[in-house]
N, C-alpha and C. Protein backbone atom coordinates (compact mmCIF):
# COMPACT_ATOMS: atom_id res chain seq x y z
N MET A 1 -9.64 -7.55 -9.59
CA MET A 1 -10.48 -6.39 -9.67
C MET A 1 -9.60 -5.18 -9.44
N THR A 2 -9.80 -4.12 -10.20
CA THR A 2 -9.01 -2.90 -10.05
C THR A 2 -9.95 -1.74 -9.83
N GLN A 3 -9.50 -0.78 -9.10
CA GLN A 3 -10.33 0.34 -8.68
C GLN A 3 -9.81 1.61 -9.33
N THR A 4 -10.70 2.55 -9.62
CA THR A 4 -10.28 3.84 -10.12
C THR A 4 -9.90 4.74 -8.95
N ASN A 5 -9.14 5.77 -9.23
CA ASN A 5 -8.68 6.67 -8.17
C ASN A 5 -9.84 7.40 -7.51
N GLU A 6 -10.88 7.78 -8.27
CA GLU A 6 -11.97 8.56 -7.71
C GLU A 6 -12.67 7.81 -6.59
N SER A 7 -12.99 6.55 -6.79
CA SER A 7 -13.72 5.83 -5.75
C SER A 7 -12.81 5.43 -4.60
N ALA A 8 -11.51 5.31 -4.84
CA ALA A 8 -10.59 4.97 -3.76
C ALA A 8 -10.48 6.12 -2.77
N ALA A 9 -10.76 7.34 -3.21
CA ALA A 9 -10.61 8.50 -2.35
C ALA A 9 -11.78 8.67 -1.39
N ASN A 10 -12.79 7.82 -1.45
CA ASN A 10 -13.98 7.97 -0.62
C ASN A 10 -13.96 7.10 0.63
N GLY A 11 -12.85 6.82 1.18
CA GLY A 11 -12.76 6.01 2.40
C GLY A 11 -11.32 5.64 2.66
N ARG A 12 -11.15 4.81 3.68
CA ARG A 12 -9.79 4.41 4.06
C ARG A 12 -9.20 3.41 3.07
N ILE A 13 -7.90 3.54 2.88
CA ILE A 13 -7.14 2.66 2.01
C ILE A 13 -6.12 1.93 2.88
N LEU A 14 -6.04 0.62 2.72
CA LEU A 14 -5.04 -0.18 3.42
C LEU A 14 -3.95 -0.53 2.41
N ALA A 15 -2.73 -0.05 2.68
CA ALA A 15 -1.59 -0.33 1.81
C ALA A 15 -0.82 -1.52 2.34
N LEU A 16 -0.43 -2.41 1.43
CA LEU A 16 0.32 -3.60 1.80
C LEU A 16 1.61 -3.68 0.98
N ASP A 17 2.72 -3.82 1.67
CA ASP A 17 4.00 -4.11 1.05
C ASP A 17 4.25 -5.59 1.32
N VAL A 18 3.86 -6.44 0.37
CA VAL A 18 3.83 -7.88 0.58
C VAL A 18 5.20 -8.49 0.36
N GLY A 19 5.69 -9.16 1.39
CA GLY A 19 6.93 -9.92 1.29
C GLY A 19 6.66 -11.36 1.68
N LYS A 20 7.64 -12.21 1.52
CA LYS A 20 7.48 -13.62 1.86
C LYS A 20 7.46 -13.85 3.37
N LYS A 21 8.15 -13.00 4.14
CA LYS A 21 8.23 -13.18 5.59
C LYS A 21 7.37 -12.18 6.36
N ARG A 22 7.20 -10.99 5.79
CA ARG A 22 6.45 -9.93 6.47
C ARG A 22 5.61 -9.16 5.47
N ILE A 23 4.56 -8.50 6.00
CA ILE A 23 3.75 -7.60 5.19
C ILE A 23 3.74 -6.25 5.91
N GLY A 24 4.31 -5.26 5.25
CA GLY A 24 4.26 -3.90 5.78
C GLY A 24 2.88 -3.33 5.54
N LEU A 25 2.36 -2.60 6.53
CA LEU A 25 0.99 -2.09 6.47
C LEU A 25 0.94 -0.60 6.78
N ALA A 26 0.05 0.08 6.06
CA ALA A 26 -0.25 1.47 6.35
C ALA A 26 -1.70 1.70 5.98
N VAL A 27 -2.34 2.64 6.67
CA VAL A 27 -3.74 2.95 6.41
C VAL A 27 -3.87 4.47 6.25
N SER A 28 -4.77 4.87 5.37
CA SER A 28 -5.03 6.29 5.18
C SER A 28 -6.10 6.76 6.15
N ASP A 29 -6.18 8.07 6.32
CA ASP A 29 -7.33 8.62 7.02
C ASP A 29 -8.51 8.58 6.04
N GLU A 30 -9.71 8.89 6.52
CA GLU A 30 -10.90 8.76 5.68
C GLU A 30 -10.92 9.73 4.51
N LEU A 31 -10.21 10.84 4.62
CA LEU A 31 -10.18 11.83 3.55
C LEU A 31 -9.07 11.57 2.53
N GLY A 32 -8.24 10.59 2.80
CA GLY A 32 -7.16 10.27 1.88
C GLY A 32 -6.06 11.31 1.88
N LEU A 33 -5.81 11.90 3.04
CA LEU A 33 -4.77 12.93 3.13
C LEU A 33 -3.47 12.42 3.74
N THR A 34 -3.57 11.50 4.70
CA THR A 34 -2.38 11.05 5.41
C THR A 34 -2.29 9.53 5.44
N ALA A 35 -1.07 9.06 5.64
CA ALA A 35 -0.80 7.62 5.77
C ALA A 35 -0.23 7.37 7.15
N GLN A 36 -0.76 6.36 7.81
CA GLN A 36 -0.28 5.98 9.14
C GLN A 36 0.22 4.55 9.07
N GLY A 37 1.45 4.33 9.52
CA GLY A 37 1.99 2.99 9.55
C GLY A 37 1.33 2.15 10.63
N LEU A 38 1.08 0.90 10.32
CA LEU A 38 0.54 -0.06 11.28
C LEU A 38 1.61 -1.09 11.59
N ASP A 39 1.39 -1.88 12.63
CA ASP A 39 2.34 -2.92 12.97
C ASP A 39 2.53 -3.87 11.78
N THR A 40 3.76 -4.24 11.53
CA THR A 40 4.08 -5.17 10.45
C THR A 40 3.51 -6.54 10.79
N LEU A 41 2.93 -7.18 9.80
CA LEU A 41 2.37 -8.52 9.96
C LEU A 41 3.46 -9.54 9.67
N GLU A 42 3.80 -10.32 10.67
CA GLU A 42 4.76 -11.42 10.49
C GLU A 42 3.99 -12.56 9.84
N ARG A 43 4.43 -13.02 8.68
CA ARG A 43 3.72 -14.05 7.92
C ARG A 43 3.81 -15.40 8.62
N THR A 44 2.71 -16.16 8.55
CA THR A 44 2.70 -17.53 9.06
C THR A 44 2.19 -18.42 7.93
N ARG A 45 0.90 -18.70 7.95
CA ARG A 45 0.27 -19.44 6.85
C ARG A 45 -0.66 -18.48 6.13
N ILE A 46 -0.87 -18.71 4.84
CA ILE A 46 -1.65 -17.77 4.04
C ILE A 46 -3.05 -17.57 4.62
N ARG A 47 -3.67 -18.65 5.11
CA ARG A 47 -5.00 -18.52 5.71
C ARG A 47 -4.98 -17.60 6.93
N ASP A 48 -3.95 -17.77 7.76
CA ASP A 48 -3.82 -16.93 8.95
C ASP A 48 -3.50 -15.48 8.57
N ASP A 49 -2.68 -15.31 7.56
CA ASP A 49 -2.35 -13.96 7.09
C ASP A 49 -3.61 -13.25 6.60
N ILE A 50 -4.41 -13.94 5.82
CA ILE A 50 -5.64 -13.35 5.29
C ILE A 50 -6.62 -13.03 6.42
N ARG A 51 -6.73 -13.94 7.38
CA ARG A 51 -7.62 -13.69 8.53
C ARG A 51 -7.17 -12.44 9.29
N ALA A 52 -5.87 -12.31 9.52
CA ALA A 52 -5.35 -11.13 10.23
C ALA A 52 -5.64 -9.85 9.45
N LEU A 53 -5.47 -9.92 8.13
CA LEU A 53 -5.73 -8.74 7.30
C LEU A 53 -7.22 -8.41 7.25
N GLN A 54 -8.08 -9.43 7.30
CA GLN A 54 -9.53 -9.19 7.38
C GLN A 54 -9.86 -8.41 8.65
N GLU A 55 -9.26 -8.81 9.75
CA GLU A 55 -9.51 -8.13 11.02
C GLU A 55 -9.02 -6.68 10.98
N ILE A 56 -7.87 -6.47 10.40
CA ILE A 56 -7.31 -5.11 10.29
C ILE A 56 -8.21 -4.25 9.41
N ALA A 57 -8.62 -4.79 8.27
CA ALA A 57 -9.48 -4.04 7.34
C ALA A 57 -10.81 -3.69 8.01
N ALA A 58 -11.38 -4.63 8.75
CA ALA A 58 -12.65 -4.37 9.44
C ALA A 58 -12.47 -3.32 10.53
N ARG A 59 -11.41 -3.44 11.33
CA ARG A 59 -11.16 -2.52 12.43
C ARG A 59 -11.00 -1.08 11.93
N TRP A 60 -10.35 -0.91 10.78
CA TRP A 60 -10.09 0.43 10.25
C TRP A 60 -11.16 0.91 9.26
N GLY A 61 -12.13 0.07 8.92
CA GLY A 61 -13.18 0.48 7.97
C GLY A 61 -12.62 0.71 6.58
N VAL A 62 -11.75 -0.17 6.15
CA VAL A 62 -11.07 -0.04 4.86
C VAL A 62 -12.04 -0.37 3.72
N ASN A 63 -11.96 0.41 2.64
CA ASN A 63 -12.78 0.10 1.47
C ASN A 63 -11.97 -0.18 0.21
N THR A 64 -10.64 -0.04 0.30
CA THR A 64 -9.77 -0.30 -0.85
C THR A 64 -8.44 -0.86 -0.37
N LEU A 65 -7.90 -1.82 -1.11
CA LEU A 65 -6.56 -2.36 -0.84
C LEU A 65 -5.59 -1.78 -1.86
N LEU A 66 -4.52 -1.22 -1.38
CA LEU A 66 -3.44 -0.72 -2.23
C LEU A 66 -2.29 -1.69 -2.08
N ILE A 67 -1.95 -2.36 -3.14
CA ILE A 67 -0.94 -3.41 -3.09
C ILE A 67 0.30 -2.95 -3.85
N GLY A 68 1.44 -2.98 -3.16
CA GLY A 68 2.70 -2.64 -3.82
C GLY A 68 3.01 -3.65 -4.90
N LYS A 69 3.28 -3.15 -6.10
CA LYS A 69 3.60 -4.00 -7.25
C LYS A 69 5.11 -4.00 -7.44
N PRO A 70 5.76 -5.12 -7.09
CA PRO A 70 7.22 -5.16 -7.23
C PRO A 70 7.63 -5.35 -8.69
N LEU A 71 8.33 -4.38 -9.20
CA LEU A 71 8.79 -4.41 -10.59
C LEU A 71 10.32 -4.27 -10.61
N HIS A 72 10.90 -4.78 -11.69
CA HIS A 72 12.32 -4.53 -11.93
C HIS A 72 12.47 -3.06 -12.31
N MET A 73 13.68 -2.53 -12.21
CA MET A 73 13.90 -1.13 -12.57
C MET A 73 13.51 -0.85 -14.01
N SER A 74 13.54 -1.86 -14.87
CA SER A 74 13.13 -1.71 -16.27
C SER A 74 11.63 -1.55 -16.42
N GLY A 75 10.88 -1.85 -15.35
CA GLY A 75 9.42 -1.81 -15.41
C GLY A 75 8.81 -3.18 -15.65
N ASP A 76 9.65 -4.18 -15.93
CA ASP A 76 9.16 -5.54 -16.13
C ASP A 76 8.75 -6.15 -14.80
N GLU A 77 7.79 -7.07 -14.88
CA GLU A 77 7.36 -7.76 -13.67
C GLU A 77 8.44 -8.75 -13.22
N SER A 78 8.47 -8.96 -11.92
CA SER A 78 9.42 -9.89 -11.32
C SER A 78 8.67 -11.14 -10.87
N ARG A 79 9.40 -12.13 -10.40
CA ARG A 79 8.76 -13.31 -9.80
C ARG A 79 7.89 -12.92 -8.62
N GLN A 80 8.40 -11.97 -7.85
CA GLN A 80 7.63 -11.48 -6.69
C GLN A 80 6.33 -10.81 -7.14
N SER A 81 6.32 -10.22 -8.34
CA SER A 81 5.09 -9.60 -8.86
C SER A 81 3.97 -10.62 -8.99
N ALA A 82 4.28 -11.77 -9.55
CA ALA A 82 3.27 -12.82 -9.72
C ALA A 82 2.82 -13.34 -8.36
N TYR A 83 3.74 -13.54 -7.45
CA TYR A 83 3.40 -14.02 -6.10
C TYR A 83 2.49 -13.00 -5.40
N THR A 84 2.85 -11.73 -5.50
CA THR A 84 2.07 -10.66 -4.87
C THR A 84 0.68 -10.59 -5.48
N ARG A 85 0.57 -10.68 -6.79
CA ARG A 85 -0.73 -10.62 -7.46
C ARG A 85 -1.62 -11.78 -7.02
N ASP A 86 -1.07 -13.00 -6.95
CA ASP A 86 -1.84 -14.16 -6.50
C ASP A 86 -2.34 -13.95 -5.07
N PHE A 87 -1.47 -13.49 -4.19
CA PHE A 87 -1.86 -13.25 -2.81
C PHE A 87 -2.94 -12.17 -2.74
N ALA A 88 -2.75 -11.07 -3.48
CA ALA A 88 -3.71 -9.96 -3.46
C ALA A 88 -5.08 -10.39 -3.97
N GLU A 89 -5.11 -11.23 -4.99
CA GLU A 89 -6.40 -11.68 -5.52
C GLU A 89 -7.11 -12.59 -4.52
N ARG A 90 -6.37 -13.44 -3.83
CA ARG A 90 -6.98 -14.26 -2.77
C ARG A 90 -7.52 -13.39 -1.66
N LEU A 91 -6.73 -12.41 -1.26
CA LEU A 91 -7.14 -11.50 -0.20
C LEU A 91 -8.37 -10.70 -0.61
N SER A 92 -8.37 -10.17 -1.81
CA SER A 92 -9.49 -9.38 -2.31
C SER A 92 -10.77 -10.22 -2.35
N GLY A 93 -10.64 -11.47 -2.77
CA GLY A 93 -11.80 -12.36 -2.81
C GLY A 93 -12.38 -12.60 -1.43
N GLN A 94 -11.52 -12.74 -0.43
CA GLN A 94 -11.99 -12.97 0.94
C GLN A 94 -12.58 -11.71 1.57
N LEU A 95 -12.02 -10.55 1.23
CA LEU A 95 -12.48 -9.31 1.82
C LEU A 95 -13.55 -8.62 0.99
N SER A 96 -13.72 -9.06 -0.26
CA SER A 96 -14.65 -8.40 -1.19
C SER A 96 -14.33 -6.91 -1.31
N LEU A 97 -13.05 -6.61 -1.40
CA LEU A 97 -12.60 -5.23 -1.57
C LEU A 97 -11.85 -5.09 -2.89
N PRO A 98 -11.97 -3.94 -3.52
CA PRO A 98 -11.20 -3.71 -4.76
C PRO A 98 -9.72 -3.53 -4.45
N ILE A 99 -8.92 -3.84 -5.47
CA ILE A 99 -7.46 -3.72 -5.38
C ILE A 99 -6.98 -2.63 -6.32
N VAL A 100 -6.03 -1.85 -5.84
CA VAL A 100 -5.26 -0.95 -6.69
C VAL A 100 -3.82 -1.41 -6.57
N TYR A 101 -3.17 -1.73 -7.70
CA TYR A 101 -1.75 -2.07 -7.69
C TYR A 101 -0.97 -0.79 -7.92
N TRP A 102 0.12 -0.62 -7.16
CA TRP A 102 0.90 0.61 -7.25
C TRP A 102 2.38 0.28 -7.26
N ASP A 103 3.09 0.87 -8.19
CA ASP A 103 4.52 0.65 -8.37
C ASP A 103 5.27 0.92 -7.07
N GLU A 104 5.97 -0.08 -6.58
CA GLU A 104 6.69 0.08 -5.31
C GLU A 104 8.19 0.16 -5.49
N ARG A 105 8.65 0.32 -6.74
CA ARG A 105 10.09 0.41 -6.95
C ARG A 105 10.68 1.50 -6.07
N LEU A 106 11.75 1.17 -5.43
CA LEU A 106 12.55 2.07 -4.60
C LEU A 106 11.94 2.41 -3.25
N THR A 107 10.73 1.92 -2.92
CA THR A 107 10.18 2.26 -1.60
C THR A 107 11.02 1.64 -0.49
N SER A 108 11.46 0.40 -0.65
CA SER A 108 12.28 -0.23 0.40
C SER A 108 13.62 0.48 0.53
N ALA A 109 14.22 0.85 -0.60
CA ALA A 109 15.49 1.56 -0.56
C ALA A 109 15.32 2.93 0.10
N GLU A 110 14.25 3.63 -0.23
CA GLU A 110 13.98 4.93 0.38
C GLU A 110 13.70 4.78 1.88
N ALA A 111 12.94 3.76 2.25
CA ALA A 111 12.66 3.50 3.66
C ALA A 111 13.96 3.23 4.42
N GLU A 112 14.83 2.41 3.85
CA GLU A 112 16.13 2.12 4.48
C GLU A 112 16.93 3.41 4.67
N ARG A 113 16.95 4.25 3.64
CA ARG A 113 17.70 5.50 3.69
C ARG A 113 17.15 6.41 4.79
N LEU A 114 15.82 6.56 4.84
CA LEU A 114 15.21 7.42 5.85
C LEU A 114 15.50 6.91 7.27
N LEU A 115 15.41 5.62 7.45
CA LEU A 115 15.67 5.03 8.77
C LEU A 115 17.14 5.16 9.15
N ARG A 116 18.01 4.95 8.18
CA ARG A 116 19.45 5.08 8.44
C ARG A 116 19.77 6.53 8.81
N ASP A 117 19.19 7.48 8.04
CA ASP A 117 19.43 8.90 8.31
C ASP A 117 18.88 9.33 9.66
N SER A 118 17.87 8.62 10.15
CA SER A 118 17.27 8.96 11.45
C SER A 118 18.14 8.48 12.61
N GLY A 119 19.15 7.67 12.30
CA GLY A 119 20.03 7.15 13.34
C GLY A 119 19.55 5.84 13.94
N ALA A 120 18.54 5.23 13.33
CA ALA A 120 18.02 3.96 13.84
C ALA A 120 19.10 2.88 13.71
N SER A 121 19.14 2.00 14.70
CA SER A 121 20.09 0.89 14.66
C SER A 121 19.70 -0.10 13.56
N ILE A 122 20.59 -1.00 13.25
CA ILE A 122 20.30 -2.01 12.23
C ILE A 122 19.07 -2.82 12.64
N GLU A 123 18.99 -3.20 13.91
CA GLU A 123 17.84 -3.96 14.40
C GLU A 123 16.55 -3.15 14.31
N GLN A 124 16.60 -1.87 14.66
CA GLN A 124 15.43 -1.01 14.56
C GLN A 124 15.00 -0.85 13.09
N ARG A 125 15.98 -0.71 12.21
CA ARG A 125 15.67 -0.57 10.78
C ARG A 125 15.02 -1.83 10.25
N ARG A 126 15.55 -2.98 10.64
CA ARG A 126 15.00 -4.25 10.16
C ARG A 126 13.53 -4.38 10.55
N LYS A 127 13.21 -3.96 11.77
CA LYS A 127 11.84 -4.05 12.26
C LYS A 127 10.91 -3.02 11.64
N ALA A 128 11.45 -1.88 11.21
CA ALA A 128 10.60 -0.78 10.75
C ALA A 128 10.53 -0.62 9.23
N VAL A 129 11.42 -1.27 8.48
CA VAL A 129 11.51 -0.99 7.05
C VAL A 129 10.23 -1.38 6.29
N ASP A 130 9.57 -2.46 6.67
CA ASP A 130 8.36 -2.88 5.96
C ASP A 130 7.23 -1.88 6.18
N ARG A 131 7.08 -1.44 7.42
CA ARG A 131 6.05 -0.45 7.73
C ARG A 131 6.34 0.86 6.99
N MET A 132 7.59 1.31 7.04
CA MET A 132 7.97 2.55 6.37
C MET A 132 7.74 2.43 4.86
N SER A 133 8.03 1.27 4.28
CA SER A 133 7.80 1.06 2.85
C SER A 133 6.32 1.19 2.52
N ALA A 134 5.46 0.63 3.38
CA ALA A 134 4.01 0.73 3.15
C ALA A 134 3.54 2.18 3.26
N VAL A 135 4.10 2.93 4.22
CA VAL A 135 3.74 4.34 4.37
C VAL A 135 4.16 5.12 3.12
N LEU A 136 5.37 4.89 2.63
CA LEU A 136 5.84 5.58 1.43
C LEU A 136 4.99 5.21 0.22
N LEU A 137 4.62 3.95 0.11
CA LEU A 137 3.76 3.49 -0.98
C LEU A 137 2.42 4.24 -0.94
N LEU A 138 1.81 4.28 0.23
CA LEU A 138 0.51 4.93 0.38
C LEU A 138 0.63 6.44 0.17
N ASP A 139 1.68 7.05 0.72
CA ASP A 139 1.89 8.50 0.50
C ASP A 139 1.99 8.81 -0.98
N SER A 140 2.72 7.99 -1.71
CA SER A 140 2.88 8.19 -3.15
C SER A 140 1.53 8.13 -3.86
N TYR A 141 0.74 7.13 -3.51
CA TYR A 141 -0.58 6.98 -4.12
C TYR A 141 -1.51 8.15 -3.76
N LEU A 142 -1.50 8.55 -2.49
CA LEU A 142 -2.37 9.65 -2.07
C LEU A 142 -1.97 10.95 -2.76
N GLU A 143 -0.68 11.20 -2.88
CA GLU A 143 -0.20 12.41 -3.57
C GLU A 143 -0.63 12.38 -5.04
N TYR A 144 -0.47 11.24 -5.68
CA TYR A 144 -0.91 11.10 -7.07
C TYR A 144 -2.41 11.37 -7.18
N SER A 145 -3.19 10.81 -6.27
CA SER A 145 -4.65 10.96 -6.30
C SER A 145 -5.05 12.42 -6.11
N ARG A 146 -4.38 13.12 -5.18
CA ARG A 146 -4.68 14.55 -4.97
C ARG A 146 -4.34 15.35 -6.22
N HIS A 147 -3.19 15.08 -6.80
CA HIS A 147 -2.78 15.79 -8.02
C HIS A 147 -3.77 15.51 -9.15
N HIS A 148 -4.14 14.26 -9.31
CA HIS A 148 -5.09 13.86 -10.36
C HIS A 148 -6.42 14.58 -10.16
N ALA A 149 -6.89 14.67 -8.91
CA ALA A 149 -8.16 15.35 -8.61
C ALA A 149 -8.06 16.84 -8.92
N ARG A 150 -6.91 17.47 -8.59
CA ARG A 150 -6.72 18.90 -8.88
C ARG A 150 -6.76 19.15 -10.37
N VAL A 151 -6.09 18.30 -11.14
CA VAL A 151 -6.06 18.46 -12.59
C VAL A 151 -7.47 18.35 -13.16
N GLN A 152 -8.23 17.37 -12.68
CA GLN A 152 -9.60 17.20 -13.15
C GLN A 152 -10.46 18.41 -12.79
N ASP A 153 -10.27 18.95 -11.57
CA ASP A 153 -11.02 20.13 -11.15
C ASP A 153 -10.69 21.32 -12.03
N GLU A 154 -9.39 21.49 -12.32
CA GLU A 154 -8.97 22.61 -13.17
C GLU A 154 -9.51 22.49 -14.57
N GLU A 155 -9.50 21.28 -15.12
CA GLU A 155 -10.05 21.06 -16.47
C GLU A 155 -11.55 21.31 -16.47
N GLY A 156 -12.23 20.91 -15.42
CA GLY A 156 -13.67 21.13 -15.32
C GLY A 156 -14.01 22.60 -15.18
N ALA A 157 -13.14 23.36 -14.49
CA ALA A 157 -13.38 24.79 -14.28
C ALA A 157 -13.22 25.58 -15.57
N ASP A 158 -12.41 25.06 -16.52
CA ASP A 158 -12.21 25.77 -17.79
C ASP A 158 -13.44 25.69 -18.68
N VAL A 159 -14.27 24.70 -18.47
CA VAL A 159 -15.45 24.53 -19.30
C VAL A 159 -16.53 25.44 -18.76
N GLY A 160 -17.12 26.26 -19.61
CA GLY A 160 -18.26 27.03 -19.13
C GLY A 160 -18.07 28.43 -19.34
């Protein structure tokens, strides 16, 4: 299931940077203006991962899942893309929430750069990179959504 930008802006969005060992998490505020990093979910079993994400979604009142779509630099899907899509569809089915897939190319590299520039140690970076990636993913989506809404408002204002 995929969601349009307009309806995603009407509540909290939970962003997931899905990896095999960890899932980076970030949540938006209700107005879709800011992204807040949440504790990274250390993966165990898929059932346990989904249960933990259900609890997080319920606690934050999430109405949309934003899933990072791992693509090659060429734009082609990777093996991780198929794995992520399968996981997201299982999660969406359990939570009954719509999914928005969002290009996550370079979010991990940007997160690493930001953490390195901040002076974080290698151990601190390792622990924070997934969360930072999810925040960057969500920030990118929120910025796109705000821009898209402004363009629509401007086009609507020209009519009349």
